[in-house]
Protein backbone atom coordinates (compact mmCIF):
# COMPACT_ATOMS: atom_id res chain seq x y z
CA MET A 1 -5.89 217.39 81.95
CA PHE A 2 -3.80 214.45 82.54
CA ASN A 3 -6.00 212.26 80.55
CA LEU A 4 -6.22 214.33 77.46
CA SER A 5 -2.45 214.95 77.75
CA PHE A 6 -2.06 210.99 77.85
CA ILE A 7 -4.69 210.67 74.98
CA PHE A 8 -3.10 213.25 72.94
CA ASP A 9 0.65 211.32 73.47
CA MET A 10 -0.70 208.11 72.95
CA ALA A 11 -2.34 209.07 69.83
CA TRP A 12 0.67 210.67 68.70
CA LEU A 13 2.91 207.60 69.46
CA ILE A 14 0.03 205.59 67.56
CA GLY A 15 0.45 207.86 64.47
CA LEU A 16 3.86 207.69 64.77
CA LEU A 17 4.06 203.93 65.08
CA SER A 18 1.29 203.83 61.89
CA LEU A 19 3.81 206.07 59.84
CA LEU A 20 6.61 203.90 60.75
CA LEU A 21 4.94 200.92 59.75
CA LEU A 22 3.51 202.31 56.71
CA PHE A 23 6.98 203.47 55.90
CA LEU A 24 8.52 199.83 56.50
CA ASN A 25 5.50 198.46 54.56
CA LEU A 26 6.28 201.07 51.62
CA LEU A 27 10.26 199.86 51.75
CA ILE A 28 9.21 196.32 51.66
CA LYS A 29 6.81 196.90 48.68
CA LEU A 30 9.72 198.95 46.94
CA ASP A 31 12.19 195.88 47.78
CA LYS A 32 9.26 193.58 45.99
CA ILE A 33 9.06 196.02 43.33
CA LYS A 34 12.68 196.21 42.57
CA GLN A 35 12.95 192.37 42.77
CA LEU A 36 9.86 192.23 40.51
CA GLN A 37 11.68 194.76 38.03
CA LYS A 38 14.72 192.76 38.20
CA THR A 39 12.73 189.39 37.18
CA VAL A 40 10.87 191.49 34.75
CA ASP A 41 14.24 192.98 33.31
CA SER A 42 15.48 189.13 33.55
CA LEU A 43 12.53 187.78 31.54
CA LYS A 44 12.60 190.48 29.24
CA LYS A 45 16.35 189.62 28.59
CA SER A 46 15.34 185.92 28.21
CA LEU A 47 12.80 186.88 25.92
CA GLU A 48 15.09 188.91 23.90
CA GLU A 49 17.88 186.05 23.88
CA MET A 50 15.06 183.66 23.01
CA ASP A 51 14.05 185.91 20.04
CA GLU A 52 17.86 185.92 19.04
CA GLN A 53 17.73 182.26 19.18
CA ALA A 54 14.39 182.12 17.08
CA LYS A 55 15.74 184.45 14.69
CA LEU A 56 19.13 182.45 14.78
CA ILE A 57 16.98 179.06 14.10
CA VAL A 58 14.84 180.57 11.53
CA ARG A 59 18.05 182.09 9.62
CA THR A 60 19.97 178.45 10.06
CA ASP A 61 16.64 176.79 8.94
CA ILE A 62 16.51 179.08 5.72
CA GLU A 63 20.12 178.46 4.96
CA LEU A 64 19.72 174.77 5.69
CA ASN A 65 16.87 174.84 3.31
CA LYS A 66 18.89 176.81 0.85
CA THR A 67 22.02 174.26 1.25
CA GLN A 68 19.63 171.47 0.77
CA GLU A 69 18.01 172.89 -2.37
CA GLU A 70 21.55 173.70 -3.56
CA LEU A 71 22.72 170.03 -2.49
CA ASP A 72 19.84 168.80 -4.47
CA LYS A 73 20.31 170.72 -7.28
CA LYS A 74 23.98 169.56 -7.73
CA ILE A 75 22.69 165.91 -7.29
CA THR A 76 20.25 166.27 -10.24
CA GLY A 77 23.02 167.90 -11.99
CA LEU A 78 25.58 165.23 -11.18
CA PHE A 79 23.17 162.53 -12.40
CA ALA A 80 22.28 164.49 -15.37
CA LEU A 81 26.18 165.05 -16.00
CA GLN A 82 26.72 161.30 -15.71
CA ARG A 83 23.99 160.37 -18.19
CA LEU A 84 25.04 162.87 -20.39
CA SER A 85 28.58 161.52 -20.30
CA ARG A 86 27.50 158.04 -20.86
CA ALA A 87 25.72 158.75 -23.67
CA ILE A 88 28.67 161.08 -25.18
CA SER A 89 30.91 158.16 -24.62
CA THR A 90 28.90 155.85 -26.64
CA THR A 91 30.04 157.51 -30.15
CA LEU A 92 33.25 157.87 -31.84
CA GLU A 93 31.98 159.99 -34.61
CA GLU A 94 32.28 163.74 -34.05
CA ASN A 95 29.25 164.98 -35.76
CA GLN A 96 27.31 162.58 -33.13
CA ILE A 97 28.82 163.89 -30.12
CA PHE A 98 26.73 167.10 -29.81
CA LYS A 99 23.58 165.22 -30.91
CA MET A 100 23.52 163.55 -27.82
CA ILE A 101 22.82 166.79 -25.75
CA ASN A 102 19.07 167.39 -25.52
CA THR A 103 16.62 169.67 -23.68
CA ASN A 104 16.24 167.08 -21.11
CA HIS A 105 19.71 167.27 -20.08
CA LEU A 106 19.97 170.83 -19.81
CA GLU A 107 16.55 171.51 -17.84
CA GLU A 108 18.11 168.96 -15.55
CA LEU A 109 21.32 170.88 -15.36
CA GLY A 110 19.05 174.04 -14.56
CA PHE A 111 19.24 175.51 -18.35
CA GLU A 112 16.99 175.73 -20.98
CA LYS A 113 19.23 177.05 -24.04
CA ALA A 114 22.76 175.77 -25.18
CA CYS A 115 24.86 176.36 -28.19
CA ALA A 116 28.55 175.39 -28.88
CA PHE A 117 30.87 176.92 -31.52
CA LEU A 118 34.21 175.57 -32.86
CA TRP A 119 36.82 177.84 -34.66
CA SER A 120 37.61 177.16 -38.45
CA ASP A 121 40.98 178.18 -39.48
CA PRO A 122 40.49 177.55 -43.07
CA GLU A 123 37.13 179.68 -43.30
CA SER A 124 38.12 182.28 -40.41
CA LYS A 125 34.92 181.47 -38.84
CA PHE A 126 32.86 179.73 -35.90
CA ILE A 127 31.02 176.80 -37.14
CA THR A 128 27.91 175.94 -35.36
CA CYS A 129 27.89 172.25 -33.73
CA LEU A 130 24.99 172.51 -31.04
CA ASN A 131 21.65 174.57 -30.81
CA VAL A 132 19.28 173.67 -28.19
CA GLY A 133 16.32 176.43 -27.27
CA TYR A 134 17.01 178.57 -30.20
CA GLN A 135 15.33 179.73 -33.26
CA GLU A 136 17.15 179.42 -36.68
CA ASP A 137 17.20 183.36 -37.05
CA GLU A 138 18.49 183.72 -33.17
CA ILE A 139 21.42 181.39 -34.10
CA GLU A 140 22.31 183.36 -36.85
CA LYS A 141 22.34 186.56 -35.14
CA ILE A 142 24.65 184.99 -32.60
CA LYS A 143 26.99 184.02 -35.31
CA SER A 144 26.91 187.28 -36.71
CA THR A 145 27.89 188.80 -33.36
CA LEU A 146 30.41 186.17 -32.89
CA GLN A 147 31.91 186.77 -35.87
CA SER A 148 32.13 190.61 -34.80
CA ASP A 149 33.84 189.88 -31.58
CA LYS A 150 35.61 186.92 -32.50
CA ASN A 151 38.79 187.98 -30.90
CA VAL A 152 37.33 188.13 -27.35
CA TYR A 153 36.00 184.55 -27.76
CA LEU A 154 39.47 183.45 -29.49
CA ASN A 155 41.32 184.83 -26.62
CA LEU A 156 38.91 182.74 -24.32
CA ILE A 157 39.72 179.79 -25.96
CA LYS A 158 43.56 180.27 -26.44
CA ASN A 159 43.76 181.06 -22.30
CA ALA A 160 41.19 177.88 -21.66
CA LYS A 161 39.05 180.41 -19.74
CA ASN A 162 35.58 179.99 -18.54
CA ILE A 163 33.39 182.90 -17.75
CA SER A 164 29.89 183.03 -16.13
CA SER A 165 27.24 185.90 -14.93
CA VAL A 166 28.53 184.78 -11.54
CA SER A 167 32.20 185.03 -12.09
CA LEU A 168 32.45 187.78 -14.75
CA ILE A 169 33.26 190.95 -13.17
CA ASP A 170 33.23 193.26 -16.02
CA SER A 171 29.48 194.16 -16.16
CA VAL A 172 29.38 195.45 -19.59
CA MET A 173 30.96 192.36 -20.86
CA ARG A 174 28.20 190.28 -18.88
CA ASP A 175 25.62 192.57 -20.20
CA LYS A 176 26.88 192.40 -23.87
CA VAL A 177 26.74 188.16 -23.63
CA GLU A 178 23.35 188.26 -21.95
CA ARG A 179 21.83 190.35 -24.80
CA ALA A 180 23.74 188.56 -27.30
CA PHE A 181 22.74 185.09 -26.23
CA LEU A 182 19.14 186.06 -24.94
CA VAL A 183 19.40 184.75 -21.59
CA ASN A 184 19.84 186.11 -17.97
CA SER A 185 22.33 184.08 -16.61
CA PHE A 186 24.98 181.84 -18.27
CA VAL A 187 28.36 179.76 -18.54
CA ILE A 188 30.81 179.66 -21.35
CA SER A 189 33.46 176.92 -21.14
CA SER A 190 36.18 176.24 -23.46
CA LEU A 191 36.08 173.15 -25.79
CA LEU A 192 39.98 172.02 -26.01
CA PRO A 193 40.75 168.90 -27.73
CA LYS A 194 44.71 168.31 -28.24
CA GLU A 195 43.90 168.17 -32.06
CA GLY A 196 41.84 169.84 -34.66
CA ASN A 197 39.68 172.68 -34.10
CA LYS A 198 39.21 174.09 -30.63
CA GLY A 199 35.75 176.22 -29.35
CA PHE A 200 33.45 176.80 -26.64
CA LEU A 201 30.10 175.47 -24.95
CA PHE A 202 27.27 178.27 -23.99
CA VAL A 203 24.41 177.29 -21.56
CA GLY A 204 22.09 179.90 -20.53
CA THR A 205 18.66 180.63 -18.95
CA GLU A 206 16.23 183.53 -19.49
CA ASN A 207 14.72 182.32 -15.61
CA ARG A 208 15.38 185.46 -13.53
CA ASP A 209 14.20 183.55 -10.36
CA MET A 210 17.35 181.18 -10.78
CA SER A 211 20.36 182.08 -9.16
CA LEU A 212 23.29 180.85 -10.64
CA THR A 213 26.06 179.62 -8.33
CA GLU A 214 29.73 178.47 -8.75
CA GLY A 215 28.59 174.80 -8.45
CA ASP A 216 26.69 175.15 -11.69
CA GLU A 217 29.62 176.71 -13.44
CA GLU A 218 31.63 173.49 -12.31
CA LEU A 219 29.09 171.32 -13.73
CA ILE A 220 29.24 172.79 -17.02
CA THR A 221 33.14 173.02 -17.16
CA ILE A 222 33.41 169.26 -16.49
CA LEU A 223 30.72 168.69 -19.53
CA SER A 224 32.96 170.82 -21.72
CA ASN A 225 35.76 169.05 -20.45
CA GLN A 226 34.36 165.71 -21.43
CA ILE A 227 32.96 166.95 -24.68
CA GLY A 228 36.67 167.98 -25.34
CA GLN A 229 37.81 164.71 -24.43
CA ALA A 230 35.22 163.06 -26.64
CA LEU A 231 36.19 164.95 -29.56
CA GLU A 232 40.02 164.45 -29.12
CA ASN A 233 38.71 160.50 -29.00
CA ALA A 234 36.63 160.75 -32.01
CA ARG A 235 39.35 162.56 -34.15
CA LEU A 236 42.06 160.07 -33.16
CA PHE A 237 39.87 157.03 -33.74
CA GLU A 238 39.30 158.56 -37.05
CA LYS A 239 42.85 159.03 -37.70
CA THR A 240 43.64 155.60 -36.32
CA TRP A 241 40.76 154.33 -38.67
CA LYS A 242 42.15 156.17 -41.73
CA ALA A 243 45.68 155.04 -40.96
CA HIS A 244 44.14 151.56 -40.61
CA GLN A 245 42.38 151.58 -43.81
CA GLU A 246 45.53 153.09 -45.85
CA LEU A 247 47.77 150.35 -44.12
CA GLU A 248 45.06 147.83 -45.10
CA ASN A 249 45.25 148.94 -48.76
CA LYS A 250 48.99 149.22 -48.90
CA VAL A 251 49.05 145.65 -47.34
CA GLU A 252 46.78 144.67 -49.93
CA GLU A 253 48.59 146.29 -52.82
CA ARG A 254 51.98 144.84 -51.50
CA THR A 255 50.27 141.35 -51.29
CA ARG A 256 49.05 141.47 -54.45
CA GLN A 257 52.21 142.67 -55.80
CA LEU A 258 54.22 139.96 -53.72
CA SER A 259 51.75 137.41 -54.94
CA LEU A 260 52.35 138.30 -58.69
CA ALA A 261 56.24 138.43 -57.96
CA LEU A 262 56.15 134.95 -56.05
CA ASP A 263 54.26 133.77 -59.01
CA GLU A 264 57.15 134.91 -61.20
CA VAL A 265 59.80 133.41 -58.93
CA ARG A 266 57.82 130.35 -59.07
CA MET A 267 57.53 130.04 -62.90
CA ALA A 268 61.02 131.04 -63.03
CA SER A 269 62.19 128.41 -60.65
CA LYS A 270 60.34 125.76 -62.32
CA ARG A 271 61.47 126.77 -65.74
CA LYS A 272 65.23 126.84 -64.33
CA THR A 273 64.34 123.18 -62.79
CA ASP A 274 63.01 122.16 -65.96
CA PHE A 275 65.84 123.47 -67.97
CA ILE A 276 68.43 122.05 -65.80
CA SER A 277 66.62 118.67 -65.31
CA SER A 278 66.24 118.50 -69.12
CA VAL A 279 69.65 119.62 -70.13
CA SER A 280 70.96 116.86 -67.63
CA HIS A 281 69.23 114.24 -68.87
CA GLU A 282 70.17 115.31 -72.34
CA LEU A 283 73.94 115.56 -71.22
CA ARG A 284 73.97 112.12 -69.55
CA THR A 285 73.14 110.21 -73.00
CA PRO A 286 76.26 111.37 -75.02
CA LEU A 287 78.38 111.58 -71.96
CA THR A 288 77.70 107.80 -71.62
CA SER A 289 78.21 107.28 -74.91
CA ILE A 290 81.63 109.07 -74.77
CA LYS A 291 82.90 106.93 -71.46
CA GLY A 292 81.68 103.74 -73.25
CA TYR A 293 83.71 104.58 -76.40
CA ALA A 294 86.53 106.02 -74.45
CA SER A 295 86.36 102.80 -72.29
CA ILE A 296 86.61 100.40 -75.62
CA LEU A 297 89.55 102.47 -77.17
CA ILE A 298 91.48 102.24 -73.77
CA GLU A 299 90.98 98.56 -73.36
CA GLU A 300 92.25 98.05 -76.80
CA LYS A 301 89.25 96.01 -78.05
CA LEU A 302 89.43 97.61 -81.53
CA GLY A 303 93.10 97.35 -81.76
CA GLN A 304 96.36 98.37 -80.23
CA LEU A 305 96.96 102.19 -79.66
CA PRO A 306 100.17 104.30 -79.15
CA GLN A 307 100.49 105.68 -75.72
CA ALA A 308 99.70 108.81 -76.71
CA ALA A 309 96.49 107.98 -77.67
CA LYS A 310 95.76 106.18 -74.40
CA ASP A 311 96.73 109.28 -72.43
CA ARG A 312 94.30 111.29 -74.32
CA LEU A 313 91.70 108.83 -73.81
CA ALA A 314 92.42 108.81 -70.15
CA LYS A 315 91.93 112.54 -69.99
CA ILE A 316 88.34 112.05 -71.92
CA ASN A 317 87.36 109.53 -69.48
CA HIS A 318 88.40 111.66 -66.41
CA HIS A 319 86.90 114.75 -67.87
CA SER A 320 83.57 112.58 -68.59
CA ASN A 321 83.74 111.53 -65.15
CA GLU A 322 83.64 115.16 -63.78
CA LEU A 323 80.78 116.25 -66.24
CA VAL A 324 78.98 113.26 -64.94
CA ASN A 325 79.45 114.49 -61.30
CA ILE A 326 78.47 118.19 -62.11
CA VAL A 327 75.23 116.56 -63.94
CA ASN A 328 74.32 114.54 -60.78
CA ASP A 329 74.97 117.74 -58.59
CA LEU A 330 72.49 119.54 -60.61
CA LEU A 331 69.82 117.02 -60.39
CA ASP A 332 70.48 116.43 -56.96
CA ILE A 333 69.96 120.32 -56.35
CA VAL A 334 66.83 120.10 -58.41
CA ARG A 335 65.53 117.10 -56.84
CA ILE A 336 65.94 118.46 -53.21
CA GLU A 337 64.69 121.86 -54.51
CA ALA A 338 61.49 120.16 -55.91
CA GLY A 339 61.32 117.78 -52.76
CA LYS A 340 61.29 114.95 -55.14
CA THR A 341 64.50 113.36 -53.09
CA VAL A 342 63.40 110.49 -50.81
CA MET A 343 65.68 110.88 -47.79
CA LYS A 344 66.42 107.54 -45.95
CA MET A 345 65.91 109.15 -42.31
CA GLU A 346 67.78 106.89 -39.54
CA LYS A 347 69.32 107.35 -36.30
CA HIS A 348 73.14 107.84 -36.67
CA ASP A 349 75.94 108.96 -34.57
CA ILE A 350 77.13 112.05 -35.57
CA ASN A 351 80.98 111.08 -34.60
CA ASN A 352 80.85 108.12 -37.27
CA LEU A 353 79.71 110.35 -39.80
CA VAL A 354 82.37 112.62 -39.18
CA ASN A 355 85.11 109.66 -38.91
CA SER A 356 83.57 108.36 -42.32
CA ALA A 357 84.16 111.68 -44.25
CA SER A 358 87.80 112.54 -42.72
CA ASP A 359 88.94 109.13 -43.72
CA LEU A 360 88.05 110.04 -47.47
CA ILE A 361 89.59 113.44 -47.27
CA SER A 362 92.54 112.33 -45.27
CA ILE A 363 94.83 111.47 -48.23
CA GLN A 364 94.06 114.94 -49.54
CA CYS A 365 95.19 116.20 -46.33
CA LYS A 366 98.73 114.24 -46.38
CA ASN A 367 99.36 115.59 -49.68
CA LYS A 368 99.43 119.19 -48.36
CA ASN A 369 100.73 118.23 -45.20
CA ILE A 370 97.53 119.58 -43.51
CA GLU A 371 96.67 118.51 -39.87
CA LEU A 372 93.02 117.17 -39.65
CA ALA A 373 91.94 117.23 -36.01
CA GLN A 374 88.50 116.45 -34.39
CA ASP A 375 87.15 118.04 -31.16
CA ILE A 376 83.79 115.58 -30.70
CA GLN A 377 81.70 116.18 -27.56
CA LYS A 378 81.42 113.08 -25.45
CA ASP A 379 77.92 111.33 -25.58
CA LEU A 380 75.95 113.36 -28.31
CA PRO A 381 72.80 111.97 -28.63
CA SER A 382 71.77 110.58 -32.03
CA VAL A 383 70.64 112.74 -35.11
CA LEU A 384 67.64 111.39 -37.62
CA VAL A 385 69.51 112.05 -40.89
CA ASP A 386 70.22 110.32 -44.39
CA ALA A 387 73.57 109.40 -43.80
CA SER A 388 75.14 109.19 -47.18
CA GLN A 389 73.68 112.92 -47.54
CA ILE A 390 75.36 114.19 -44.99
CA GLU A 391 78.53 112.39 -45.76
CA ARG A 392 78.28 114.61 -49.03
CA VAL A 393 77.96 117.85 -46.80
CA LEU A 394 80.89 116.72 -44.52
CA ILE A 395 82.75 115.92 -47.57
CA ASN A 396 82.29 118.80 -49.82
CA LEU A 397 83.17 121.38 -46.75
CA LEU A 398 86.18 119.31 -45.82
CA ALA A 399 87.39 119.12 -49.65
CA ASN A 400 86.99 123.19 -49.95
CA ALA A 401 88.73 123.33 -46.54
CA VAL A 402 91.72 121.45 -48.07
CA LYS A 403 91.63 123.27 -51.41
CA PHE A 404 91.88 126.73 -49.57
CA THR A 405 94.21 125.81 -46.89
CA PRO A 406 97.92 126.37 -47.81
CA GLN A 407 100.67 123.63 -46.83
CA ASN A 408 101.29 122.81 -43.18
CA GLY A 409 97.89 124.38 -42.23
CA ARG A 410 95.03 122.94 -39.97
CA ILE A 411 91.53 121.76 -40.25
CA THR A 412 89.36 121.15 -37.26
CA VAL A 413 86.28 119.15 -37.06
CA THR A 414 83.98 120.25 -33.97
CA ALA A 415 80.68 118.83 -32.90
CA TYR A 416 78.78 119.76 -30.23
CA LYS A 417 75.06 119.92 -28.52
CA LYS A 418 73.56 123.48 -28.72
CA GLU A 419 69.70 123.65 -27.54
CA GLN A 420 67.93 120.88 -29.41
CA ASN A 421 70.49 120.40 -32.28
CA ILE A 422 73.97 118.94 -33.06
CA GLN A 423 76.10 121.71 -34.36
CA VAL A 424 79.07 121.08 -36.58
CA GLN A 425 82.04 123.36 -37.37
CA ILE A 426 84.73 122.68 -39.92
CA GLN A 427 87.37 125.50 -39.31
CA ASP A 428 90.24 125.93 -41.56
CA THR A 429 93.52 128.00 -41.37
CA GLY A 430 92.97 128.99 -45.16
CA ILE A 431 92.99 132.15 -47.11
CA GLY A 432 89.31 133.12 -45.85
CA ILE A 433 86.28 134.69 -47.90
CA PRO A 434 85.76 138.53 -48.22
CA SER A 435 83.21 139.88 -46.20
CA GLU A 436 81.04 140.71 -49.19
CA SER A 437 80.98 137.38 -50.66
CA LEU A 438 79.73 135.72 -47.49
CA ASN A 439 76.06 136.32 -48.35
CA PHE A 440 76.40 134.71 -51.95
CA ILE A 441 78.66 131.76 -51.61
CA PHE A 442 75.96 128.96 -51.24
CA ASP A 443 74.07 130.30 -54.70
CA GLU A 444 74.57 128.03 -57.37
CA PHE A 445 77.54 128.53 -59.52
CA TYR A 446 78.93 131.24 -57.31
CA ARG A 447 82.70 131.20 -57.08
CA VAL A 448 84.60 133.45 -55.00
CA ASP A 449 87.42 135.29 -57.08
CA ASN A 450 90.74 134.52 -55.20
CA PRO A 451 94.02 133.21 -56.95
CA ILE A 452 93.28 129.64 -55.95
CA ASN A 453 89.80 129.82 -57.70
CA GLN A 454 91.41 131.27 -60.63
CA GLU A 455 93.74 128.22 -60.97
CA VAL A 456 91.53 125.61 -60.03
CA LYS A 457 88.42 124.83 -61.98
CA GLY A 458 85.32 124.16 -60.15
CA THR A 459 81.25 124.52 -60.41
CA GLY A 460 80.10 126.51 -57.80
CA LEU A 461 77.51 123.65 -56.99
CA GLY A 462 79.06 122.20 -53.74
CA LEU A 463 77.95 124.61 -51.32
CA SER A 464 74.58 124.99 -52.91
CA LEU A 465 74.20 121.19 -52.55
CA ALA A 466 75.35 121.29 -48.99
CA LYS A 467 72.97 124.08 -48.16
CA ASN A 468 69.84 122.16 -49.74
CA ILE A 469 70.62 118.90 -48.02
CA VAL A 470 70.95 120.46 -44.51
CA GLU A 471 67.91 122.48 -45.34
CA ALA A 472 66.16 119.22 -46.19
CA HIS A 473 66.99 117.92 -42.79
CA LYS A 474 65.33 121.06 -41.09
CA GLY A 475 68.86 122.26 -40.29
CA LYS A 476 70.80 125.37 -40.99
CA ILE A 477 74.25 126.18 -42.70
CA TRP A 478 76.34 129.45 -42.62
CA ALA A 479 80.03 130.48 -42.81
CA GLU A 480 82.22 133.06 -40.92
CA SER A 481 85.51 133.92 -42.13
CA GLN A 482 88.50 136.45 -42.16
CA VAL A 483 90.65 137.15 -44.79
CA ASN A 484 94.20 135.39 -44.54
CA LYS A 485 93.12 134.14 -41.03
CA GLY A 486 90.49 131.20 -42.21
CA THR A 487 87.06 130.38 -42.72
CA THR A 488 84.80 128.34 -40.26
CA PHE A 489 81.45 126.67 -41.94
CA ASN A 490 78.36 126.03 -39.65
CA PHE A 491 75.79 123.79 -39.94
CA THR A 492 72.91 122.25 -37.55
CA LEU A 493 70.97 119.03 -37.50
CA PRO A 494 68.05 118.51 -35.11
CA ILE A 495 68.57 116.13 -32.32
CA THR A 496 66.18 112.98 -32.78
């Protein structure tokens, strides 16, 4: 009994322990299952993350490939645009600009069709300037459509707009353009030269697989701007060339007229010179005879004469001398103008020349109580001149000053260095010369209309002779004057 009970208890205890061990084992397995489940969940999550990353990588790769393709396309387009721009810039003829655009250029830009139109105001229609990829009948249909919808395209040009199948929001308008131009994608860009007819450039493609981008539109916009600039340059060149031709024609015609006028002037000058020379020589012979006979009579070699006759013969002799002086002045002017007078050019001190002329004129100054002053700069360099001729200039100018300066007046002779010249001034306090006469006082036989000239006879050759002598010395002569205040004559002589 005891043994069975003990065995039974032991069996129960062992069973209990077995159950307990099984339970513990189950707990352990459940814990492992949980851990495995966590591992599985973690692996699943990692797999999901890896799947997302793989998807992202694939998407990124696709986008990179797409970007690379777009970049390659843009680079190809830029190279094509550069070559096309270079070709366009090689011509300055408007009708040649569009001929530079061909199928190869369009294909490199990603298009196979293109046309360009310029609006003509006089004809009130669009003129075709470019046709690539269209048949003649197709382009005629396009022109017909343009004419019917001209306001739409004129508005586009007026507002300097660019439209494309990408940027055009109005789907009806987009479909209408695609049907009219027989394409599936397109870009229209305005051609806007500053002068002359304006228009637009159209490019398109029938390729449905081609996805037009903003980059394509930008390239075509750049191209249209370059074409517009090329048109402007060509028109400006043509305008400049025409103006140049007109100017050349005018210059040629004017040169011809001036040449004829110069020939006439030379002929007139030669005739004048020949006439004066001939008349002067013809006058010399009778004058010489008159002076000779007058001298014989005055010396009473043919018998005694009454005093009245002697006085009249003296006047004949005096006026004959005046005529001889006039003839000599005329001949000198003619010789100098013709370049036939030989100047004895030597180095001279201008101070000595002024003193010599002043001495000769001093008696006339004393007779009118006129003060004759000098203001000569010290250490002036020498001048290379014909002394006798320059003295004639000084005497002529001083005699004029004395003639037109009233009693108790003043004449000042000044000489100083100015740049590479010696400038001489003869200033008086005389009656002056009206401004309207200053431009004529050096003309032959010209005399200013004033009271003194009306009373005192003169030839009007003195200043003309002075001008010719000074210019023969490569100098200049001019006058400045104010009425009733005085006159200043200036002339220059080059320094040796």
